[in-house]
Amino acid sequence: MAEQPAQKPPRDRWDKAAIVLQPLGGLLTAVAVAVLGFWTSNYLRAREQREAALRERMQTSDTNARLYSELISKREESDSALRKDMFTSIINSFLREGPATLEQKMLNLELLVYNFHESLNLKPLFLHIERGVGRDPRAAEYQSRLHKVAEEVIQKQMLVIEDGGETFDATIDTKALAFPSAEGSRPSVAKDFAVEGIQRNLKLEVSAADPARQEVQLRATVRTAEAARVDTNATEFWVGPFDFPMIDNTRLSNDERAAVVLNQANPEVADITLVYFPGSYASLKERVSYDEVMDKLRILSGGSK
């Protein structure tokens, strides 16, 4: 007898679902690949746009910074050239031969003082004009004008110095050569200062006085406590109305300075201010030595001297 073919088992619902979902899965896969490719393409395009925008902003910023730097540089060059021409013209007016009126000298002095007081020691010029004032009919007027200019310059310099330093006011009895106080006259005054972590004691003594020139002679003793030792330095100097603290000062260790300013003087009393400040606030003409620069760098980096 011939064999009958085997009958296929009937398909259940899972078989029917597989038949339907198999082509649908391929379609979903194709759609997912297309969506992923589109999203990736958009992401890369957006990133390129962001990078291009960032590069453009950086280029614009660099261009602006370069332009700003060039403008500042040109302005500084113009200012320096103007100051140079002004300085040369004023100095030549003092050095050239021929008479000049006292009014012209006063005007030139004021121009020099107000524009170059941080870089020039103008005390000799003040004294030179003061000597000429005494023979002029308007001596009192010019003398007052001369002292007013000096006071304004001292005030300007003190405002700058006090930002980084410390001050101490005292009064001197120019007849007794002592410092009067509520407890009585003292032969000296002393003050402890601390600037940039350095402890110093500054002591002042009066050696002499010249009421006619409104000057006093002082002896300053500086004691510095540093690195488990105490260093003592002493100096003697005259201070008058034309001594400016940025210029007329005593150089201390670690590029620090001490100066005395004469605020007011009469035949009996002189008011002074003792100021202690970093060398960075001193005159532009003061040059810091290489050793002081290296010491400053070691201090800033936390190293020992």
Protein backbone atom coordinates (compact mmCIF):
# COMPACT_ATOMS: atom_id res chain seq x y z
CA MET A 1 0.00 0.00 0.00
CA ALA A 2 1.19 3.54 -0.79
CA GLU A 3 2.29 5.72 2.15
CA GLN A 4 0.13 8.74 2.82
CA PRO A 5 1.96 12.13 3.24
CA ALA A 6 2.29 13.33 6.79
CA GLN A 7 -0.15 16.00 7.68
CA LYS A 8 1.24 19.35 8.86
CA PRO A 9 0.18 20.27 12.32
CA PRO A 10 -2.32 23.11 12.40
CA ARG A 11 -0.83 26.62 12.91
CA ASP A 12 -1.59 28.19 16.22
CA ARG A 13 -1.86 31.92 16.90
CA TRP A 14 1.88 32.31 17.57
CA ASP A 15 2.69 30.93 14.14
CA LYS A 16 0.23 33.33 12.59
CA ALA A 17 1.72 36.20 14.59
CA ALA A 18 5.25 35.26 13.47
CA ILE A 19 4.11 35.33 9.84
CA VAL A 20 2.68 38.81 10.29
CA LEU A 21 5.48 40.28 12.46
CA GLN A 22 8.44 38.99 10.46
CA PRO A 23 8.09 41.51 7.61
CA LEU A 24 7.00 44.17 10.13
CA GLY A 25 10.24 43.65 12.11
CA GLY A 26 12.28 44.26 8.99
CA LEU A 27 10.30 47.40 8.34
CA LEU A 28 10.84 48.64 11.91
CA THR A 29 14.54 47.89 11.64
CA ALA A 30 14.78 49.90 8.46
CA VAL A 31 12.87 52.78 10.05
CA ALA A 32 15.11 52.69 13.16
CA VAL A 33 18.25 52.72 11.01
CA ALA A 34 16.86 55.66 9.02
CA VAL A 35 15.90 57.58 12.17
CA LEU A 36 19.28 56.91 13.80
CA GLY A 37 21.10 58.04 10.67
CA PHE A 38 18.99 61.21 10.46
CA TRP A 39 19.56 62.01 14.16
CA THR A 40 23.30 61.34 13.88
CA SER A 41 23.54 63.51 10.80
CA ASN A 42 21.67 66.36 12.54
CA TYR A 43 23.85 66.03 15.65
CA LEU A 44 27.07 66.17 13.65
CA ARG A 45 25.78 69.10 11.62
CA ALA A 46 24.76 70.98 14.80
CA ARG A 47 28.14 70.27 16.41
CA GLU A 48 29.94 71.55 13.33
CA GLN A 49 27.81 74.68 13.43
CA ARG A 50 28.57 75.20 17.13
CA GLU A 51 32.29 74.69 16.55
CA ALA A 52 32.21 77.06 13.60
CA ALA A 53 30.37 79.66 15.70
CA LEU A 54 32.88 79.18 18.55
CA ARG A 55 35.82 79.60 16.18
CA GLU A 56 34.22 82.73 14.77
CA ARG A 57 33.68 84.16 18.26
CA MET A 58 37.27 83.33 19.22
CA GLN A 59 38.57 84.95 16.06
CA THR A 60 36.40 88.00 16.72
CA SER A 61 37.60 88.13 20.33
CA ASP A 62 41.24 87.82 19.24
CA THR A 63 40.73 90.53 16.65
CA ASN A 64 39.09 92.83 19.20
CA ALA A 65 41.82 92.15 21.78
CA ARG A 66 44.52 92.82 19.20
CA LEU A 67 42.78 96.01 18.10
CA TYR A 68 42.35 97.14 21.72
CA SER A 69 46.00 96.39 22.46
CA GLU A 70 47.11 98.36 19.42
CA LEU A 71 44.90 101.30 20.40
CA ILE A 72 46.24 101.29 23.97
CA SER A 73 49.81 100.99 22.71
CA LYS A 74 49.35 103.88 20.28
CA ARG A 75 47.71 105.99 22.99
CA GLU A 76 50.60 105.29 25.37
CA GLU A 77 53.10 106.14 22.65
CA SER A 78 51.28 109.40 21.95
CA ASP A 79 51.10 110.21 25.66
CA SER A 80 54.79 109.41 26.12
CA ALA A 81 55.72 111.56 23.15
CA LEU A 82 53.61 114.43 24.47
CA ARG A 83 55.13 114.16 27.95
CA LYS A 84 58.63 113.99 26.45
CA ASP A 85 58.04 117.12 24.38
CA MET A 86 56.50 118.90 27.36
CA PHE A 87 59.36 117.91 29.65
CA THR A 88 62.01 118.96 27.12
CA SER A 89 60.32 122.30 26.52
CA ILE A 90 59.95 123.08 30.24
CA ILE A 91 63.49 122.00 31.16
CA ASN A 92 64.94 124.03 28.30
CA SER A 93 63.08 127.07 29.59
CA PHE A 94 65.05 126.75 32.84
CA LEU A 95 68.39 125.97 31.22
CA ARG A 96 68.41 128.39 28.32
CA GLU A 97 70.32 131.64 28.58
CA GLY A 98 68.50 134.90 29.05
CA PRO A 99 66.29 136.34 31.78
CA ALA A 100 62.94 134.81 32.68
CA THR A 101 60.31 136.42 34.85
CA LEU A 102 59.40 134.86 38.17
CA GLU A 103 55.89 134.30 36.86
CA GLN A 104 57.26 132.24 33.97
CA LYS A 105 59.43 130.21 36.34
CA MET A 106 56.47 129.55 38.63
CA LEU A 107 54.30 128.45 35.72
CA ASN A 108 56.99 126.10 34.40
CA LEU A 109 57.52 124.70 37.88
CA GLU A 110 53.81 124.00 38.25
CA LEU A 111 53.73 122.23 34.89
CA LEU A 112 56.70 120.09 35.89
CA VAL A 113 55.34 119.30 39.34
CA TYR A 114 51.82 118.36 38.33
CA ASN A 115 52.98 116.14 35.45
CA PHE A 116 56.26 114.62 36.66
CA HIS A 117 56.22 114.70 40.47
CA GLU A 118 56.29 110.88 40.65
CA SER A 119 59.48 110.54 38.60
CA LEU A 120 61.59 113.64 39.25
CA ASN A 121 63.23 115.07 42.35
CA LEU A 122 62.08 118.67 42.02
CA LYS A 123 63.29 119.87 45.42
CA PRO A 124 66.34 121.70 43.97
CA LEU A 125 64.06 123.60 41.61
CA PHE A 126 61.74 124.58 44.46
CA LEU A 127 64.71 125.87 46.46
CA HIS A 128 66.10 127.71 43.42
CA ILE A 129 62.84 129.56 42.83
CA GLU A 130 62.39 130.20 46.55
CA ARG A 131 65.76 131.96 46.65
CA GLY A 132 64.66 134.20 43.77
CA VAL A 133 61.30 134.95 45.37
CA GLY A 134 62.89 136.82 48.26
CA ARG A 135 64.01 139.66 45.97
CA ASP A 136 60.64 140.16 44.26
CA PRO A 137 58.08 142.81 45.26
CA ARG A 138 55.40 140.10 45.22
CA ALA A 139 57.48 137.79 47.40
CA ALA A 140 54.68 136.91 49.83
CA GLU A 141 52.33 135.94 46.99
CA TYR A 142 54.89 133.76 45.23
CA GLN A 143 56.05 132.19 48.50
CA SER A 144 52.46 131.20 49.32
CA ARG A 145 51.96 129.86 45.80
CA LEU A 146 55.18 127.86 46.01
CA HIS A 147 54.24 126.22 49.30
CA LYS A 148 50.70 125.52 48.07
CA VAL A 149 52.03 123.59 45.07
CA ALA A 150 54.31 121.56 47.35
CA GLU A 151 51.46 120.79 49.77
CA GLU A 152 49.20 119.59 46.95
CA VAL A 153 51.89 117.26 45.61
CA ILE A 154 52.58 115.83 49.08
CA GLN A 155 48.87 115.20 49.60
CA LYS A 156 48.57 113.42 46.25
CA GLN A 157 51.56 111.21 47.00
CA MET A 158 50.36 110.44 50.53
CA LEU A 159 46.95 109.35 49.23
CA VAL A 160 48.69 106.79 47.00
CA ILE A 161 51.19 105.64 49.63
CA GLU A 162 48.61 105.20 52.39
CA ASP A 163 46.83 102.53 50.31
CA GLY A 164 49.73 100.14 50.91
CA GLY A 165 51.50 101.59 53.93
CA GLU A 166 51.03 102.86 57.47
CA THR A 167 51.41 106.34 58.95
CA PHE A 168 52.06 107.93 62.34
CA ASP A 169 51.58 111.62 63.21
CA ALA A 170 53.73 113.52 65.70
CA THR A 171 54.38 117.10 66.84
CA ILE A 172 57.85 118.57 67.43
CA ASP A 173 58.72 121.39 69.79
CA THR A 174 61.40 123.04 67.63
CA LYS A 175 62.75 125.12 70.53
CA ALA A 176 63.15 122.25 73.01
CA LEU A 177 63.93 119.72 70.22
CA ALA A 178 61.49 117.28 71.78
CA PHE A 179 58.08 115.70 71.22
CA PRO A 180 55.44 117.22 73.54
CA SER A 181 52.70 114.96 74.91
CA ALA A 182 50.13 114.83 77.70
CA GLU A 183 52.74 113.21 79.97
CA GLY A 184 55.37 115.84 79.14
CA SER A 185 58.06 116.33 76.50
CA ARG A 186 59.86 113.25 75.23
CA PRO A 187 63.24 113.16 73.50
CA SER A 188 61.97 110.64 70.94
CA VAL A 189 58.92 108.83 69.58
CA ALA A 190 58.69 105.24 68.35
CA LYS A 191 56.09 103.29 66.43
CA ASP A 192 55.72 99.61 65.51
CA PHE A 193 54.79 98.92 61.89
CA ALA A 194 53.90 95.75 60.00
CA VAL A 195 53.76 95.88 56.22
CA GLU A 196 53.81 92.78 54.00
CA GLY A 197 54.38 90.60 57.06
CA ILE A 198 57.59 92.36 58.13
CA GLN A 199 57.73 93.79 61.67
CA ARG A 200 59.69 96.99 62.19
CA ASN A 201 60.09 99.58 64.91
CA LEU A 202 60.83 103.13 63.76
CA LYS A 203 62.20 105.61 66.29
CA LEU A 204 62.57 109.34 65.63
CA GLU A 205 64.75 111.84 67.48
CA VAL A 206 65.10 115.58 66.80
CA SER A 207 68.70 116.70 66.26
CA ALA A 208 68.26 120.32 65.15
CA ALA A 209 65.77 122.83 63.76
CA ASP A 210 65.97 125.73 61.32
CA PRO A 211 62.82 127.89 61.78
CA ALA A 212 63.87 130.32 59.03
CA ARG A 213 63.92 127.56 56.40
CA GLN A 214 61.10 125.61 58.11
CA GLU A 215 63.25 122.50 58.35
CA VAL A 216 64.04 120.02 61.12
CA GLN A 217 66.87 117.51 61.35
CA LEU A 218 65.81 114.05 62.46
CA ARG A 219 67.58 110.84 63.36
CA ALA A 220 65.66 107.70 62.46
CA THR A 221 66.50 104.31 63.93
CA VAL A 222 64.87 101.27 62.35
CA ARG A 223 64.82 97.90 64.08
CA THR A 224 63.68 94.96 62.00
CA ALA A 225 62.69 91.60 63.49
CA GLU A 226 63.12 88.94 60.84
CA ALA A 227 64.34 85.34 60.70
CA ALA A 228 64.99 85.11 64.47
CA ARG A 229 67.28 88.15 64.43
CA VAL A 230 66.99 91.91 64.89
CA ASP A 231 68.72 94.31 62.48
CA THR A 232 69.21 97.95 63.44
CA ASN A 233 69.82 100.77 60.97
CA ALA A 234 70.10 104.48 61.69
CA THR A 235 70.09 107.51 59.40
CA GLU A 236 70.04 111.27 59.86
CA PHE A 237 68.40 113.74 57.48
CA TRP A 238 66.74 117.13 57.13
CA VAL A 239 63.05 117.35 56.23
CA GLY A 240 61.35 120.47 54.94
CA PRO A 241 58.30 121.63 52.98
CA PHE A 242 59.77 120.50 49.64
CA ASP A 243 60.56 116.88 50.57
CA PHE A 244 58.16 114.51 48.82
CA PRO A 245 57.74 110.98 50.27
CA MET A 246 57.83 109.11 46.95
CA ILE A 247 61.22 110.66 46.19
CA ASP A 248 62.77 111.58 49.55
CA ASN A 249 62.66 108.33 51.50
CA THR A 250 64.93 105.83 53.19
CA ARG A 251 65.32 102.44 51.51
CA LEU A 252 64.94 99.48 53.87
CA SER A 253 65.41 95.77 53.37
CA ASN A 254 62.92 93.81 51.23
CA ASP A 255 62.39 96.90 49.06
CA GLU A 256 60.42 98.81 51.70
CA ARG A 257 60.65 102.53 52.45
CA ALA A 258 60.30 104.96 55.33
CA ALA A 259 59.76 108.70 54.92
CA VAL A 260 58.92 111.74 57.02
CA VAL A 261 56.59 114.46 55.72
CA LEU A 262 56.53 117.97 57.14
CA ASN A 263 52.87 118.97 57.21
CA GLN A 264 53.18 122.37 58.88
CA ALA A 265 55.92 124.37 60.58
CA ASN A 266 56.29 127.64 62.49
CA PRO A 267 59.06 129.04 64.74
CA GLU A 268 57.83 126.95 67.68
CA VAL A 269 56.09 123.80 66.42
CA ALA A 270 56.41 121.41 63.48
CA ASP A 271 53.80 118.77 62.59
CA ILE A 272 55.20 115.69 60.86
CA THR A 273 53.95 112.36 59.55
CA LEU A 274 56.05 109.22 59.56
CA VAL A 275 55.10 106.85 56.74
CA TYR A 276 56.23 103.27 56.12
CA PHE A 277 55.32 101.69 52.76
CA PRO A 278 56.33 99.08 50.13
CA GLY A 279 58.84 100.10 47.51
CA SER A 280 56.26 99.55 44.75
CA TYR A 281 54.67 102.84 45.85
CA ALA A 282 57.93 104.78 45.58
CA SER A 283 59.05 107.03 42.76
CA LEU A 284 59.21 105.69 39.21
CA LYS A 285 62.90 106.66 39.11
CA GLU A 286 63.73 104.20 41.91
CA ARG A 287 65.13 100.98 40.46
CA VAL A 288 64.84 97.75 42.38
CA SER A 289 68.01 95.68 42.45
CA TYR A 290 68.14 92.15 41.03
CA ASP A 291 68.66 90.65 44.50
CA GLU A 292 65.59 92.42 45.84
CA VAL A 293 63.50 91.13 42.94
CA MET A 294 64.66 87.56 43.59
CA ASP A 295 63.96 87.92 47.33
CA LYS A 296 60.48 89.23 46.56
CA LEU A 297 59.79 86.29 44.23
CA ARG A 298 60.96 83.82 46.88
CA ILE A 299 58.69 85.43 49.48
CA LEU A 300 55.70 85.35 47.14
CA SER A 301 56.33 81.71 46.27
CA GLY A 302 56.47 80.77 49.95
CA GLY A 303 60.17 79.97 49.96
CA SER A 304 62.72 81.10 52.50
CA LYS A 305 65.28 83.78 51.80
